[in-house]
């Protein structure tokens, strides 16, 4: 149907996400997973539960603010 969203778009309902997987965090920052792992991940506080790694959205926002301030000064 013409009114259906493209298949690649995902409609999210429910409460806002507070944490992202590593792949989602890399995508949110706009880099590849490899770049995220090599250059960004070690600067973030990550929640570990078993094999599950969660990057808090607030942590990504803090990192972006620090980096933006560092390069604009």
PDB file of N, CA and C in Angstrom:
ATOM      1  N   UNK A   1       0.826  -1.185   0.000  1.00  0.00           N
ATOM      2  CA  UNK A   1       0.000   0.000   0.000  1.00  0.00           C
ATOM      3  C   UNK A   1       0.870   1.249   0.000  1.00  0.00           C
ATOM      4  N   UNK A   2       0.372   2.304  -0.542  1.00  0.00           N
ATOM      5  CA  UNK A   2       1.129   3.545  -0.623  1.00  0.00           C
ATOM      6  C   UNK A   2       1.311   4.203   0.736  1.00  0.00           C
ATOM      7  N   UNK A   3       0.421   3.958   1.684  1.00  0.00           N
ATOM      8  CA  UNK A   3       0.512   4.605   2.992  1.00  0.00           C
ATOM      9  C   UNK A   3       1.405   3.854   3.975  1.00  0.00           C
ATOM     10  N   UNK A   4       1.840   2.646   3.631  1.00  0.00           N
ATOM     11  CA  UNK A   4       2.709   1.883   4.523  1.00  0.00           C
ATOM     12  C   UNK A   4       4.109   2.489   4.543  1.00  0.00           C
ATOM     13  N   UNK A   5       4.744   2.564   5.738  1.00  0.00           N
ATOM     14  CA  UNK A   5       6.116   3.085   5.804  1.00  0.00           C
ATOM     15  C   UNK A   5       7.075   2.111   5.122  1.00  0.00           C
ATOM     16  N   UNK A   6       8.215   2.617   4.647  1.00  0.00           N
ATOM     17  CA  UNK A   6       9.213   1.720   4.061  1.00  0.00           C
ATOM     18  C   UNK A   6       9.607   0.631   5.057  1.00  0.00           C
ATOM     19  N   UNK A   7       9.986  -0.512   4.560  1.00  0.00           N
ATOM     20  CA  UNK A   7      10.315  -1.666   5.406  1.00  0.00           C
ATOM     21  C   UNK A   7      11.466  -1.378   6.358  1.00  0.00           C
ATOM     22  N   UNK A   8      12.405  -0.514   6.007  1.00  0.00           N
ATOM     23  CA  UNK A   8      13.561  -0.270   6.861  1.00  0.00           C
ATOM     24  C   UNK A   8      13.234   0.611   8.070  1.00  0.00           C
ATOM     25  N   UNK A   9      12.086   1.295   8.056  1.00  0.00           N
ATOM     26  CA  UNK A   9      11.696   2.113   9.193  1.00  0.00           C
ATOM     27  C   UNK A   9      10.969   1.259  10.216  1.00  0.00           C
ATOM     28  N   UNK A  10      11.306   1.465  11.465  1.00  0.00           N
ATOM     29  CA  UNK A  10      10.677   0.708  12.534  1.00  0.00           C
ATOM     30  C   UNK A  10       9.904   1.683  13.414  1.00  0.00           C
ATOM     31  N   UNK A  11       8.655   1.423  13.609  1.00  0.00           N
ATOM     32  CA  UNK A  11       7.832   2.256  14.471  1.00  0.00           C
ATOM     33  C   UNK A  11       7.985   1.742  15.896  1.00  0.00           C
ATOM     34  N   UNK A  12       8.428   2.622  16.786  1.00  0.00           N
ATOM     35  CA  UNK A  12       8.654   2.240  18.170  1.00  0.00           C
ATOM     36  C   UNK A  12       7.524   2.808  19.014  1.00  0.00           C
ATOM     37  N   UNK A  13       6.875   1.935  19.753  1.00  0.00           N
ATOM     38  CA  UNK A  13       5.841   2.372  20.673  1.00  0.00           C
ATOM     39  C   UNK A  13       6.256   1.986  22.072  1.00  0.00           C
ATOM     40  N   UNK A  14       5.656   2.619  23.044  1.00  0.00           N
ATOM     41  CA  UNK A  14       5.991   2.312  24.420  1.00  0.00           C
ATOM     42  C   UNK A  14       6.907   3.362  25.011  1.00  0.00           C
ATOM     43  N   UNK A  15       7.509   3.055  26.143  1.00  0.00           N
ATOM     44  CA  UNK A  15       8.373   4.039  26.819  1.00  0.00           C
ATOM     45  C   UNK A  15       9.627   4.318  26.000  1.00  0.00           C
ATOM     46  N   UNK A  16      10.211   5.505  26.171  1.00  0.00           N
ATOM     47  CA  UNK A  16      11.440   5.825  25.429  1.00  0.00           C
ATOM     48  C   UNK A  16      12.584   4.915  25.857  1.00  0.00           C
ATOM     49  N   UNK A  17      13.470   4.623  24.924  1.00  0.00           N
ATOM     50  CA  UNK A  17      14.625   3.767  25.214  1.00  0.00           C
ATOM     51  C   UNK A  17      15.635   4.539  26.049  1.00  0.00           C
ATOM     52  N   UNK A  18      16.104   3.941  27.103  1.00  0.00           N
ATOM     53  CA  UNK A  18      17.123   4.535  27.959  1.00  0.00           C
ATOM     54  C   UNK A  18      18.495   3.947  27.686  1.00  0.00           C
ATOM     55  N   UNK A  19      18.530   2.783  27.041  1.00  0.00           N
ATOM     56  CA  UNK A  19      19.777   2.108  26.738  1.00  0.00           C
ATOM     57  C   UNK A  19      19.744   1.530  25.343  1.00  0.00           C
ATOM     58  N   UNK A  20      20.921   1.427  24.733  1.00  0.00           N
ATOM     59  CA  UNK A  20      21.061   0.921  23.375  1.00  0.00           C
ATOM     60  C   UNK A  20      22.074  -0.206  23.337  1.00  0.00           C
ATOM     61  N   UNK A  21      21.914  -1.102  22.376  1.00  0.00           N
ATOM     62  CA  UNK A  21      22.941  -2.105  22.135  1.00  0.00           C
ATOM     63  C   UNK A  21      24.155  -1.393  21.542  1.00  0.00           C
ATOM     64  N   UNK A  22      25.278  -2.087  21.455  1.00  0.00           N
ATOM     65  CA  UNK A  22      26.469  -1.466  20.872  1.00  0.00           C
ATOM     66  C   UNK A  22      26.239  -1.082  19.413  1.00  0.00           C
ATOM     67  N   UNK A  23      25.549  -1.925  18.656  1.00  0.00           N
ATOM     68  CA  UNK A  23      25.248  -1.595  17.255  1.00  0.00           C
ATOM     69  C   UNK A  23      24.360  -0.357  17.164  1.00  0.00           C
ATOM     70  N   UNK A  24      23.354  -0.288  18.028  1.00  0.00           N
ATOM     71  CA  UNK A  24      22.460   0.868  18.023  1.00  0.00           C
ATOM     72  C   UNK A  24      23.184   2.133  18.453  1.00  0.00           C
ATOM     73  N   UNK A  25      24.068   2.020  19.431  1.00  0.00           N
ATOM     74  CA  UNK A  25      24.839   3.183  19.891  1.00  0.00           C
ATOM     75  C   UNK A  25      25.734   3.713  18.775  1.00  0.00           C
ATOM     76  N   UNK A  26      26.400   2.810  18.065  1.00  0.00           N
ATOM     77  CA  UNK A  26      27.248   3.229  16.943  1.00  0.00           C
ATOM     78  C   UNK A  26      26.408   3.942  15.888  1.00  0.00           C
ATOM     79  N   UNK A  27      25.269   3.383  15.574  1.00  0.00           N
ATOM     80  CA  UNK A  27      24.379   3.987  14.590  1.00  0.00           C
ATOM     81  C   UNK A  27      23.881   5.345  15.061  1.00  0.00           C
ATOM     82  N   UNK A  28      23.557   5.461  16.351  1.00  0.00           N
ATOM     83  CA  UNK A  28      23.068   6.725  16.897  1.00  0.00           C
ATOM     84  C   UNK A  28      24.122   7.826  16.799  1.00  0.00           C
ATOM     85  N   UNK A  29      25.389   7.454  16.965  1.00  0.00           N
ATOM     86  CA  UNK A  29      26.482   8.425  16.865  1.00  0.00           C
ATOM     87  C   UNK A  29      26.810   8.722  15.407  1.00  0.00           C
ATOM     88  N   UNK A  30      26.476   7.781  14.526  1.00  0.00           N
ATOM     89  CA  UNK A  30      26.710   7.991  13.101  1.00  0.00           C
ATOM     90  C   UNK A  30      28.019   7.415  12.603  1.00  0.00           C
ATOM     91  N   UNK A  31      28.497   6.365  13.286  1.00  0.00           N
ATOM     92  CA  UNK A  31      29.743   5.721  12.870  1.00  0.00           C
ATOM     93  C   UNK A  31      29.512   4.221  12.732  1.00  0.00           C
ATOM     94  N   UNK A  32      30.468   3.553  12.121  1.00  0.00           N
ATOM     95  CA  UNK A  32      30.383   2.093  12.005  1.00  0.00           C
ATOM     96  C   UNK A  32      30.637   1.459  13.365  1.00  0.00           C
ATOM     97  N   UNK A  33      30.250   0.223  13.512  1.00  0.00           N
ATOM     98  CA  UNK A  33      30.494  -0.492  14.769  1.00  0.00           C
ATOM     99  C   UNK A  33      31.990  -0.613  15.025  1.00  0.00           C
ATOM    100  N   UNK A  34      32.776  -0.839  13.970  1.00  0.00           N
ATOM    101  CA  UNK A  34      34.219  -0.957  14.116  1.00  0.00           C
ATOM    102  C   UNK A  34      34.818   0.353  14.653  1.00  0.00           C
ATOM    103  N   UNK A  35      34.419   1.479  14.083  1.00  0.00           N
ATOM    104  CA  UNK A  35      34.909   2.778  14.546  1.00  0.00           C
ATOM    105  C   UNK A  35      34.473   3.025  15.978  1.00  0.00           C
ATOM    106  N   UNK A  36      33.233   2.672  16.287  1.00  0.00           N
ATOM    107  CA  UNK A  36      32.726   2.831  17.649  1.00  0.00           C
ATOM    108  C   UNK A  36      33.581   2.039  18.626  1.00  0.00           C
ATOM    109  N   UNK A  37      33.857   0.779  18.303  1.00  0.00           N
ATOM    110  CA  UNK A  37      34.647  -0.077  19.193  1.00  0.00           C
ATOM    111  C   UNK A  37      36.077   0.425  19.344  1.00  0.00           C
ATOM    112  N   UNK A  38      36.668   0.918  18.273  1.00  0.00           N
ATOM    113  CA  UNK A  38      38.075   1.349  18.310  1.00  0.00           C
ATOM    114  C   UNK A  38      38.285   2.711  18.959  1.00  0.00           C
ATOM    115  N   UNK A  39      37.337   3.645  18.752  1.00  0.00           N
ATOM    116  CA  UNK A  39      37.603   5.035  19.135  1.00  0.00           C
ATOM    117  C   UNK A  39      36.662   5.626  20.177  1.00  0.00           C
ATOM    118  N   UNK A  40      35.531   5.015  20.420  1.00  0.00           N
ATOM    119  CA  UNK A  40      34.537   5.643  21.298  1.00  0.00           C
ATOM    120  C   UNK A  40      34.206   4.785  22.517  1.00  0.00           C
ATOM    121  N   UNK A  41      34.004   3.515  22.309  1.00  0.00           N
ATOM    122  CA  UNK A  41      33.504   2.622  23.355  1.00  0.00           C
ATOM    123  C   UNK A  41      34.293   2.720  24.658  1.00  0.00           C
ATOM    124  N   UNK A  42      35.612   2.805  24.586  1.00  0.00           N
ATOM    125  CA  UNK A  42      36.433   2.833  25.800  1.00  0.00           C
ATOM    126  C   UNK A  42      36.239   4.110  26.617  1.00  0.00           C
ATOM    127  N   UNK A  43      35.608   5.127  26.035  1.00  0.00           N
ATOM    128  CA  UNK A  43      35.361   6.377  26.756  1.00  0.00           C
ATOM    129  C   UNK A  43      33.990   6.417  27.425  1.00  0.00           C
ATOM    130  N   UNK A  44      33.183   5.382  27.223  1.00  0.00           N
ATOM    131  CA  UNK A  44      31.817   5.360  27.741  1.00  0.00           C
ATOM    132  C   UNK A  44      31.679   4.398  28.915  1.00  0.00           C
ATOM    133  N   UNK A  45      30.791   4.740  29.823  1.00  0.00           N
ATOM    134  CA  UNK A  45      30.398   3.820  30.881  1.00  0.00           C
ATOM    135  C   UNK A  45      29.313   2.926  30.300  1.00  0.00           C
ATOM    136  N   UNK A  46      29.536   1.633  30.344  1.00  0.00           N
ATOM    137  CA  UNK A  46      28.610   0.676  29.741  1.00  0.00           C
ATOM    138  C   UNK A  46      28.100  -0.268  30.817  1.00  0.00           C
ATOM    139  N   UNK A  47      26.812  -0.572  30.775  1.00  0.00           N
ATOM    140  CA  UNK A  47      26.192  -1.496  31.714  1.00  0.00           C
ATOM    141  C   UNK A  47      26.368  -2.905  31.168  1.00  0.00           C
ATOM    142  N   UNK A  48      26.904  -3.792  31.995  1.00  0.00           N
ATOM    143  CA  UNK A  48      27.099  -5.186  31.598  1.00  0.00           C
ATOM    144  C   UNK A  48      26.223  -6.080  32.464  1.00  0.00           C
ATOM    145  N   UNK A  49      25.439  -6.905  31.832  1.00  0.00           N
ATOM    146  CA  UNK A  49      24.628  -7.909  32.518  1.00  0.00           C
ATOM    147  C   UNK A  49      24.790  -9.203  31.759  1.00  0.00           C
ATOM    148  N   UNK A  50      25.617 -10.090  32.298  1.00  0.00           N
ATOM    149  CA  UNK A  50      25.921 -11.316  31.585  1.00  0.00           C
ATOM    150  C   UNK A  50      26.647 -10.968  30.292  1.00  0.00           C
ATOM    151  N   UNK A  51      26.146 -11.455  29.185  1.00  0.00           N
ATOM    152  CA  UNK A  51      26.743 -11.160  27.878  1.00  0.00           C
ATOM    153  C   UNK A  51      26.136  -9.919  27.242  1.00  0.00           C
ATOM    154  N   UNK A  52      25.141  -9.347  27.893  1.00  0.00           N
ATOM    155  CA  UNK A  52      24.438  -8.184  27.349  1.00  0.00           C
ATOM    156  C   UNK A  52      25.173  -6.895  27.728  1.00  0.00           C
ATOM    157  N   UNK A  53      25.462  -6.069  26.759  1.00  0.00           N
ATOM    158  CA  UNK A  53      26.097  -4.771  26.979  1.00  0.00           C
ATOM    159  C   UNK A  53      25.113  -3.684  26.570  1.00  0.00           C
ATOM    160  N   UNK A  54      24.865  -2.751  27.483  1.00  0.00           N
ATOM    161  CA  UNK A  54      23.905  -1.680  27.236  1.00  0.00           C
ATOM    162  C   UNK A  54      24.610  -0.343  27.405  1.00  0.00           C
ATOM    163  N   UNK A  55      24.454   0.515  26.411  1.00  0.00           N
ATOM    164  CA  UNK A  55      25.021   1.857  26.472  1.00  0.00           C
ATOM    165  C   UNK A  55      23.881   2.816  26.815  1.00  0.00           C
ATOM    166  N   UNK A  56      23.933   3.462  27.986  1.00  0.00           N
ATOM    167  CA  UNK A  56      22.878   4.406  28.334  1.00  0.00           C
ATOM    168  C   UNK A  56      22.853   5.581  27.348  1.00  0.00           C
ATOM    169  N   UNK A  57      21.670   5.966  26.933  1.00  0.00           N
ATOM    170  CA  UNK A  57      21.522   7.091  26.007  1.00  0.00           C
ATOM    171  C   UNK A  57      22.132   8.348  26.618  1.00  0.00           C
ATOM    172  N   UNK A  58      21.927   8.565  27.912  1.00  0.00           N
ATOM    173  CA  UNK A  58      22.487   9.735  28.583  1.00  0.00           C
ATOM    174  C   UNK A  58      24.016   9.746  28.509  1.00  0.00           C
ATOM    175  N   UNK A  59      24.634   8.572  28.547  1.00  0.00           N
ATOM    176  CA  UNK A  59      26.099   8.481  28.448  1.00  0.00           C
ATOM    177  C   UNK A  59      26.573   8.901  27.056  1.00  0.00           C
ATOM    178  N   UNK A  60      25.851   8.504  26.027  1.00  0.00           N
ATOM    179  CA  UNK A  60      26.187   8.921  24.658  1.00  0.00           C
ATOM    180  C   UNK A  60      26.059  10.427  24.535  1.00  0.00           C
ATOM    181  N   UNK A  61      24.989  10.984  25.098  1.00  0.00           N
ATOM    182  CA  UNK A  61      24.781  12.431  25.044  1.00  0.00           C
ATOM    183  C   UNK A  61      25.895  13.173  25.765  1.00  0.00           C
ATOM    184  N   UNK A  62      26.310  12.677  26.941  1.00  0.00           N
ATOM    185  CA  UNK A  62      27.414  13.308  27.680  1.00  0.00           C
ATOM    186  C   UNK A  62      28.707  13.260  26.868  1.00  0.00           C
ATOM    187  N   UNK A  63      28.986  12.115  26.250  1.00  0.00           N
ATOM    188  CA  UNK A  63      30.205  11.975  25.454  1.00  0.00           C
ATOM    189  C   UNK A  63      30.199  12.963  24.286  1.00  0.00           C
ATOM    190  N   UNK A  64      29.070  13.069  23.604  1.00  0.00           N
ATOM    191  CA  UNK A  64      28.973  13.996  22.475  1.00  0.00           C
ATOM    192  C   UNK A  64      29.189  15.446  22.923  1.00  0.00           C
ATOM    193  N   UNK A  65      28.611  15.817  24.055  1.00  0.00           N
ATOM    194  CA  UNK A  65      28.797  17.181  24.569  1.00  0.00           C
ATOM    195  C   UNK A  65      30.260  17.444  24.914  1.00  0.00           C
ATOM    196  N   UNK A  66      30.914  16.484  25.580  1.00  0.00           N
ATOM    197  CA  UNK A  66      32.343  16.644  25.926  1.00  0.00           C
ATOM    198  C   UNK A  66      33.188  16.795  24.663  1.00  0.00           C
ATOM    199  N   UNK A  67      32.948  15.949  23.691  1.00  0.00           N
ATOM    200  CA  UNK A  67      33.738  15.991  22.471  1.00  0.00           C
ATOM    201  C   UNK A  67      33.483  17.270  21.672  1.00  0.00           C
ATOM    202  N   UNK A  68      32.232  17.713  21.623  1.00  0.00           N
ATOM    203  CA  UNK A  68      31.916  18.947  20.905  1.00  0.00           C
ATOM    204  C   UNK A  68      32.597  20.140  21.579  1.00  0.00           C
ATOM    205  N   UNK A  69      32.574  20.182  22.906  1.00  0.00           N
ATOM    206  CA  UNK A  69      33.213  21.268  23.632  1.00  0.00           C
ATOM    207  C   UNK A  69      34.724  21.236  23.438  1.00  0.00           C
ATOM    208  N   UNK A  70      35.275  20.046  23.404  1.00  0.00           N
ATOM    209  CA  UNK A  70      36.730  19.880  23.241  1.00  0.00           C
ATOM    210  C   UNK A  70      37.209  20.408  21.895  1.00  0.00           C
ATOM    211  N   UNK A  71      36.440  20.184  20.846  1.00  0.00           N
ATOM    212  CA  UNK A  71      36.861  20.587  19.515  1.00  0.00           C
ATOM    213  C   UNK A  71      36.426  21.992  19.131  1.00  0.00           C
ATOM    214  N   UNK A  72      35.516  22.589  19.894  1.00  0.00           N
ATOM    215  CA  UNK A  72      35.073  23.945  19.549  1.00  0.00           C
ATOM    216  C   UNK A  72      35.830  25.000  20.333  1.00  0.00           C
ATOM    217  N   UNK A  73      36.606  24.581  21.323  1.00  0.00           N
ATOM    218  CA  UNK A  73      37.350  25.550  22.153  1.00  0.00           C
ATOM    219  C   UNK A  73      38.610  26.014  21.462  1.00  0.00           C
TER     220      UNK A  73
END
